[in-house]
Amino acid sequence: MSFTINEIAKKINMSTDTIRYYDKAGLLPGLERDENGYRLFNGTDLYNLQMIQCFKGIGMSIKDMKKVMITPLEDTTFSIEHREQIVKEQREKLLEQQEQISRALQLVEFKLARYAEIKNNLTK
């Protein structure tokens, strides 16, 4: 099954311009095109775009995305261990962000509880 760029953009909530950018950056190797030159996306391309969204969301550079996603596994200049290290570093960033969000959420909950307390005292 194949999808047009508009269909794939809707599926993953990404602009067509952004998808074209990632294609031109080399993050979608082997992307098929129809007889008119329009991009055709398959399930693997969908998965790759979702991975790009994830990596972009945690601040991974295009350069590192290429290393992790595009470089052939047989390429001895960029080992599995190196790829693994990049992904582990990204995981650590995510865990730090998760902790920051948890702390911020606790503060917001405290503030909301305080407002409720004040409102309750005002109505007495």
N, C-alpha and C. Protein backbone atom coordinates (compact mmCIF):
# COMPACT_ATOMS: atom_id res chain seq x y z
N MET A 1 0.85 -1.18 0.00
CA MET A 1 0.00 0.00 0.00
C MET A 1 0.89 1.24 0.00
N SER A 2 0.51 2.23 -0.79
CA SER A 2 1.30 3.46 -0.81
C SER A 2 0.39 4.66 -0.54
N PHE A 3 1.03 5.72 -0.05
CA PHE A 3 0.33 6.94 0.34
C PHE A 3 0.95 8.12 -0.40
N THR A 4 0.13 9.12 -0.66
CA THR A 4 0.65 10.37 -1.21
C THR A 4 1.24 11.18 -0.06
N ILE A 5 1.93 12.25 -0.41
CA ILE A 5 2.52 13.09 0.62
C ILE A 5 1.43 13.74 1.49
N ASN A 6 0.30 14.10 0.89
CA ASN A 6 -0.80 14.69 1.66
C ASN A 6 -1.40 13.67 2.63
N GLU A 7 -1.55 12.44 2.18
CA GLU A 7 -2.10 11.40 3.05
C GLU A 7 -1.17 11.12 4.22
N ILE A 8 0.11 11.00 3.94
CA ILE A 8 1.07 10.70 4.99
C ILE A 8 1.17 11.87 5.97
N ALA A 9 1.10 13.09 5.46
CA ALA A 9 1.18 14.28 6.30
C ALA A 9 0.02 14.30 7.30
N LYS A 10 -1.17 13.96 6.83
CA LYS A 10 -2.34 13.91 7.73
C LYS A 10 -2.19 12.81 8.76
N LYS A 11 -1.68 11.66 8.35
CA LYS A 11 -1.54 10.52 9.27
C LYS A 11 -0.63 10.85 10.45
N ILE A 12 0.43 11.61 10.19
CA ILE A 12 1.40 11.86 11.26
C ILE A 12 1.42 13.30 11.73
N ASN A 13 0.48 14.10 11.22
CA ASN A 13 0.37 15.50 11.63
C ASN A 13 1.70 16.25 11.42
N MET A 14 2.18 16.19 10.20
CA MET A 14 3.42 16.86 9.82
C MET A 14 3.16 17.57 8.49
N SER A 15 3.71 18.74 8.33
CA SER A 15 3.46 19.47 7.08
C SER A 15 4.17 18.79 5.91
N THR A 16 3.60 18.99 4.73
CA THR A 16 4.21 18.42 3.53
C THR A 16 5.58 19.06 3.27
N ASP A 17 5.71 20.33 3.61
CA ASP A 17 7.01 20.99 3.45
C ASP A 17 8.08 20.35 4.33
N THR A 18 7.70 20.00 5.55
CA THR A 18 8.64 19.35 6.46
C THR A 18 9.04 17.98 5.93
N ILE A 19 8.07 17.25 5.41
CA ILE A 19 8.37 15.92 4.84
C ILE A 19 9.33 16.07 3.66
N ARG A 20 9.07 17.04 2.81
CA ARG A 20 9.98 17.27 1.67
C ARG A 20 11.38 17.63 2.16
N TYR A 21 11.45 18.44 3.22
CA TYR A 21 12.75 18.81 3.79
C TYR A 21 13.51 17.56 4.25
N TYR A 22 12.84 16.68 4.98
CA TYR A 22 13.50 15.47 5.46
C TYR A 22 13.93 14.57 4.30
N ASP A 23 13.12 14.53 3.25
CA ASP A 23 13.50 13.76 2.07
C ASP A 23 14.76 14.35 1.44
N LYS A 24 14.78 15.67 1.25
CA LYS A 24 15.95 16.33 0.65
C LYS A 24 17.19 16.21 1.54
N ALA A 25 16.97 16.11 2.85
CA ALA A 25 18.09 15.96 3.79
C ALA A 25 18.65 14.54 3.77
N GLY A 26 17.98 13.64 3.07
CA GLY A 26 18.48 12.27 2.94
C GLY A 26 17.97 11.31 4.00
N LEU A 27 16.92 11.70 4.72
CA LEU A 27 16.41 10.84 5.79
C LEU A 27 15.36 9.83 5.31
N LEU A 28 14.99 9.91 4.05
CA LEU A 28 14.02 8.96 3.50
C LEU A 28 14.60 8.30 2.24
N PRO A 29 15.66 7.53 2.42
CA PRO A 29 16.30 6.92 1.24
C PRO A 29 15.37 5.89 0.59
N GLY A 30 15.48 5.81 -0.69
CA GLY A 30 14.70 4.81 -1.43
C GLY A 30 13.23 5.16 -1.57
N LEU A 31 12.88 6.40 -1.30
CA LEU A 31 11.50 6.83 -1.43
C LEU A 31 11.07 6.68 -2.89
N GLU A 32 9.97 5.99 -3.09
CA GLU A 32 9.49 5.77 -4.45
C GLU A 32 8.81 7.01 -5.00
N ARG A 33 8.77 7.08 -6.31
CA ARG A 33 8.06 8.16 -7.00
C ARG A 33 7.22 7.55 -8.11
N ASP A 34 6.10 8.21 -8.38
CA ASP A 34 5.25 7.72 -9.47
C ASP A 34 5.77 8.24 -10.81
N GLU A 35 5.04 7.94 -11.88
CA GLU A 35 5.49 8.33 -13.21
C GLU A 35 5.58 9.84 -13.41
N ASN A 36 4.89 10.60 -12.55
CA ASN A 36 4.94 12.06 -12.62
C ASN A 36 5.98 12.66 -11.66
N GLY A 37 6.70 11.82 -10.94
CA GLY A 37 7.72 12.29 -10.02
C GLY A 37 7.22 12.59 -8.62
N TYR A 38 5.94 12.30 -8.36
CA TYR A 38 5.39 12.54 -7.03
C TYR A 38 5.85 11.45 -6.06
N ARG A 39 6.15 11.87 -4.83
CA ARG A 39 6.60 10.92 -3.82
C ARG A 39 5.48 9.96 -3.44
N LEU A 40 5.86 8.70 -3.26
CA LEU A 40 4.94 7.67 -2.78
C LEU A 40 5.54 7.07 -1.50
N PHE A 41 4.73 6.98 -0.48
CA PHE A 41 5.19 6.52 0.82
C PHE A 41 4.57 5.16 1.15
N ASN A 42 5.39 4.30 1.76
CA ASN A 42 4.89 3.00 2.19
C ASN A 42 4.97 2.91 3.72
N GLY A 43 4.69 1.75 4.27
CA GLY A 43 4.70 1.56 5.72
C GLY A 43 6.06 1.85 6.35
N THR A 44 7.13 1.48 5.67
CA THR A 44 8.47 1.75 6.18
C THR A 44 8.73 3.25 6.23
N ASP A 45 8.30 3.95 5.20
CA ASP A 45 8.46 5.41 5.18
C ASP A 45 7.66 6.06 6.31
N LEU A 46 6.47 5.55 6.55
CA LEU A 46 5.64 6.05 7.65
C LEU A 46 6.37 5.87 8.98
N TYR A 47 6.90 4.67 9.19
CA TYR A 47 7.66 4.38 10.42
C TYR A 47 8.86 5.32 10.54
N ASN A 48 9.60 5.50 9.44
CA ASN A 48 10.78 6.38 9.47
C ASN A 48 10.39 7.82 9.80
N LEU A 49 9.29 8.29 9.26
CA LEU A 49 8.85 9.65 9.57
C LEU A 49 8.44 9.77 11.04
N GLN A 50 7.83 8.73 11.58
CA GLN A 50 7.48 8.74 13.00
C GLN A 50 8.73 8.76 13.87
N MET A 51 9.75 8.02 13.46
CA MET A 51 11.02 8.03 14.20
C MET A 51 11.67 9.42 14.10
N ILE A 52 11.62 10.02 12.92
CA ILE A 52 12.16 11.36 12.74
C ILE A 52 11.44 12.34 13.66
N GLN A 53 10.12 12.25 13.72
CA GLN A 53 9.34 13.11 14.62
C GLN A 53 9.79 12.93 16.06
N CYS A 54 9.95 11.69 16.46
CA CYS A 54 10.38 11.39 17.82
C CYS A 54 11.76 11.98 18.09
N PHE A 55 12.71 11.69 17.22
CA PHE A 55 14.07 12.18 17.40
C PHE A 55 14.13 13.71 17.35
N LYS A 56 13.38 14.30 16.45
CA LYS A 56 13.35 15.76 16.36
C LYS A 56 12.76 16.35 17.64
N GLY A 57 11.74 15.70 18.14
CA GLY A 57 11.08 16.16 19.36
C GLY A 57 11.98 16.17 20.58
N ILE A 58 12.99 15.35 20.56
CA ILE A 58 13.92 15.31 21.70
C ILE A 58 15.24 16.01 21.37
N GLY A 59 15.23 16.71 20.24
CA GLY A 59 16.37 17.56 19.92
C GLY A 59 17.52 16.90 19.19
N MET A 60 17.32 15.73 18.62
CA MET A 60 18.40 15.08 17.88
C MET A 60 18.66 15.83 16.58
N SER A 61 19.90 16.00 16.25
CA SER A 61 20.27 16.69 15.02
C SER A 61 20.01 15.81 13.80
N ILE A 62 19.85 16.46 12.66
CA ILE A 62 19.69 15.73 11.39
C ILE A 62 20.90 14.83 11.17
N LYS A 63 22.08 15.34 11.49
CA LYS A 63 23.32 14.57 11.32
C LYS A 63 23.26 13.26 12.11
N ASP A 64 22.84 13.34 13.38
CA ASP A 64 22.75 12.13 14.20
C ASP A 64 21.62 11.23 13.72
N MET A 65 20.51 11.82 13.25
CA MET A 65 19.42 11.00 12.71
C MET A 65 19.92 10.17 11.54
N LYS A 66 20.71 10.80 10.69
CA LYS A 66 21.26 10.07 9.54
C LYS A 66 22.13 8.92 10.00
N LYS A 67 22.96 9.18 11.01
CA LYS A 67 23.86 8.13 11.51
C LYS A 67 23.06 6.95 12.05
N VAL A 68 22.02 7.25 12.80
CA VAL A 68 21.24 6.20 13.44
C VAL A 68 20.32 5.50 12.45
N MET A 69 19.70 6.26 11.57
CA MET A 69 18.66 5.69 10.72
C MET A 69 19.12 5.25 9.34
N ILE A 70 20.10 5.91 8.77
CA ILE A 70 20.42 5.70 7.36
C ILE A 70 21.70 4.90 7.13
N THR A 71 22.70 5.13 7.95
CA THR A 71 23.97 4.44 7.74
C THR A 71 23.74 2.93 7.80
N PRO A 72 24.19 2.20 6.78
CA PRO A 72 24.00 0.75 6.78
C PRO A 72 24.64 0.10 8.02
N LEU A 73 23.99 -0.91 8.54
CA LEU A 73 24.50 -1.59 9.73
C LEU A 73 25.88 -2.20 9.49
N GLU A 74 26.17 -2.54 8.24
CA GLU A 74 27.45 -3.15 7.91
C GLU A 74 28.58 -2.12 7.85
N ASP A 75 28.25 -0.84 7.88
CA ASP A 75 29.25 0.23 7.79
C ASP A 75 30.11 0.20 9.05
N THR A 76 31.36 -0.17 8.91
CA THR A 76 32.24 -0.31 10.07
C THR A 76 32.73 1.03 10.61
N THR A 77 32.51 2.12 9.86
CA THR A 77 32.93 3.43 10.35
C THR A 77 31.97 3.98 11.40
N PHE A 78 30.81 3.36 11.50
CA PHE A 78 29.81 3.82 12.46
C PHE A 78 29.17 2.60 13.10
N SER A 79 29.73 2.19 14.20
CA SER A 79 29.35 0.93 14.84
C SER A 79 27.97 0.97 15.48
N ILE A 80 27.48 -0.21 15.73
CA ILE A 80 26.21 -0.37 16.46
C ILE A 80 26.34 0.29 17.83
N GLU A 81 27.48 0.15 18.45
CA GLU A 81 27.69 0.73 19.77
C GLU A 81 27.57 2.26 19.73
N HIS A 82 28.11 2.85 18.66
CA HIS A 82 28.02 4.31 18.50
C HIS A 82 26.57 4.74 18.31
N ARG A 83 25.84 4.01 17.49
CA ARG A 83 24.42 4.31 17.28
C ARG A 83 23.66 4.16 18.60
N GLU A 84 23.98 3.10 19.29
CA GLU A 84 23.32 2.84 20.58
C GLU A 84 23.60 3.97 21.56
N GLN A 85 24.81 4.48 21.56
CA GLN A 85 25.18 5.57 22.47
C GLN A 85 24.37 6.83 22.15
N ILE A 86 24.20 7.13 20.88
CA ILE A 86 23.42 8.30 20.49
C ILE A 86 21.98 8.17 21.00
N VAL A 87 21.39 7.00 20.80
CA VAL A 87 20.01 6.78 21.23
C VAL A 87 19.92 6.80 22.76
N LYS A 88 20.91 6.26 23.45
CA LYS A 88 20.91 6.30 24.92
C LYS A 88 20.98 7.74 25.42
N GLU A 89 21.79 8.56 24.77
CA GLU A 89 21.88 9.98 25.15
C GLU A 89 20.54 10.67 24.97
N GLN A 90 19.86 10.33 23.89
CA GLN A 90 18.53 10.92 23.65
C GLN A 90 17.54 10.44 24.72
N ARG A 91 17.65 9.17 25.10
CA ARG A 91 16.78 8.64 26.16
C ARG A 91 17.02 9.40 27.46
N GLU A 92 18.27 9.69 27.77
CA GLU A 92 18.58 10.43 28.99
C GLU A 92 17.97 11.82 28.96
N LYS A 93 18.02 12.47 27.79
CA LYS A 93 17.38 13.78 27.65
C LYS A 93 15.88 13.68 27.91
N LEU A 94 15.27 12.63 27.38
CA LEU A 94 13.84 12.43 27.60
C LEU A 94 13.52 12.22 29.08
N LEU A 95 14.34 11.43 29.75
CA LEU A 95 14.11 11.19 31.18
C LEU A 95 14.26 12.48 31.99
N GLU A 96 15.22 13.32 31.61
CA GLU A 96 15.39 14.61 32.28
C GLU A 96 14.16 15.49 32.05
N GLN A 97 13.68 15.50 30.82
CA GLN A 97 12.48 16.30 30.51
C GLN A 97 11.28 15.77 31.28
N GLN A 98 11.18 14.47 31.38
CA GLN A 98 10.08 13.86 32.12
C GLN A 98 10.12 14.29 33.59
N GLU A 99 11.29 14.32 34.17
CA GLU A 99 11.44 14.75 35.56
C GLU A 99 11.07 16.22 35.71
N GLN A 100 11.50 17.05 34.78
CA GLN A 100 11.16 18.47 34.83
C GLN A 100 9.65 18.67 34.73
N ILE A 101 9.02 17.92 33.87
CA ILE A 101 7.57 18.02 33.72
C ILE A 101 6.87 17.55 34.99
N SER A 102 7.36 16.50 35.61
CA SER A 102 6.77 16.02 36.86
C SER A 102 6.86 17.07 37.96
N ARG A 103 8.02 17.70 38.06
CA ARG A 103 8.18 18.75 39.08
C ARG A 103 7.26 19.94 38.79
N ALA A 104 7.19 20.33 37.54
CA ALA A 104 6.33 21.45 37.17
C ALA A 104 4.86 21.11 37.44
N LEU A 105 4.47 19.90 37.15
CA LEU A 105 3.09 19.47 37.39
C LEU A 105 2.77 19.50 38.89
N GLN A 106 3.70 19.09 39.71
CA GLN A 106 3.49 19.15 41.17
C GLN A 106 3.28 20.58 41.63
N LEU A 107 4.06 21.51 41.11
CA LEU A 107 3.91 22.92 41.47
C LEU A 107 2.56 23.48 41.00
N VAL A 108 2.15 23.10 39.82
CA VAL A 108 0.87 23.56 39.30
C VAL A 108 -0.27 22.99 40.16
N GLU A 109 -0.18 21.73 40.51
CA GLU A 109 -1.21 21.11 41.35
C GLU A 109 -1.27 21.81 42.71
N PHE A 110 -0.11 22.13 43.28
CA PHE A 110 -0.07 22.84 44.55
C PHE A 110 -0.76 24.20 44.42
N LYS A 111 -0.45 24.91 43.33
CA LYS A 111 -1.03 26.23 43.11
C LYS A 111 -2.55 26.13 42.95
N LEU A 112 -3.03 25.16 42.21
CA LEU A 112 -4.47 24.98 42.04
C LEU A 112 -5.15 24.65 43.37
N ALA A 113 -4.52 23.83 44.17
CA ALA A 113 -5.07 23.49 45.49
C ALA A 113 -5.13 24.75 46.36
N ARG A 114 -4.12 25.56 46.27
CA ARG A 114 -4.09 26.81 47.05
C ARG A 114 -5.22 27.75 46.60
N TYR A 115 -5.44 27.87 45.29
CA TYR A 115 -6.53 28.70 44.80
C TYR A 115 -7.88 28.18 45.28
N ALA A 116 -8.07 26.87 45.24
CA ALA A 116 -9.32 26.28 45.71
C ALA A 116 -9.52 26.58 47.20
N GLU A 117 -8.46 26.51 47.97
CA GLU A 117 -8.53 26.82 49.40
C GLU A 117 -8.93 28.28 49.62
N ILE A 118 -8.32 29.19 48.89
CA ILE A 118 -8.62 30.62 49.00
C ILE A 118 -10.09 30.88 48.62
N LYS A 119 -10.52 30.29 47.51
CA LYS A 119 -11.91 30.46 47.08
C LYS A 119 -12.87 29.94 48.14
N ASN A 120 -12.55 28.81 48.72
CA ASN A 120 -13.40 28.20 49.75
C ASN A 120 -13.48 29.13 50.96
N ASN A 121 -12.37 29.73 51.37
CA ASN A 121 -12.36 30.64 52.51
C ASN A 121 -13.13 31.92 52.22
N LEU A 122 -13.14 32.38 50.97
CA LEU A 122 -13.85 33.59 50.60
C LEU A 122 -15.37 33.42 50.62
N THR A 123 -15.82 32.21 50.37
CA THR A 123 -17.27 31.95 50.31
C THR A 123 -17.85 31.65 51.68
N LYS A 124 -17.06 31.56 52.70
CA LYS A 124 -17.55 31.26 54.05
C LYS A 124 -18.08 32.48 54.72
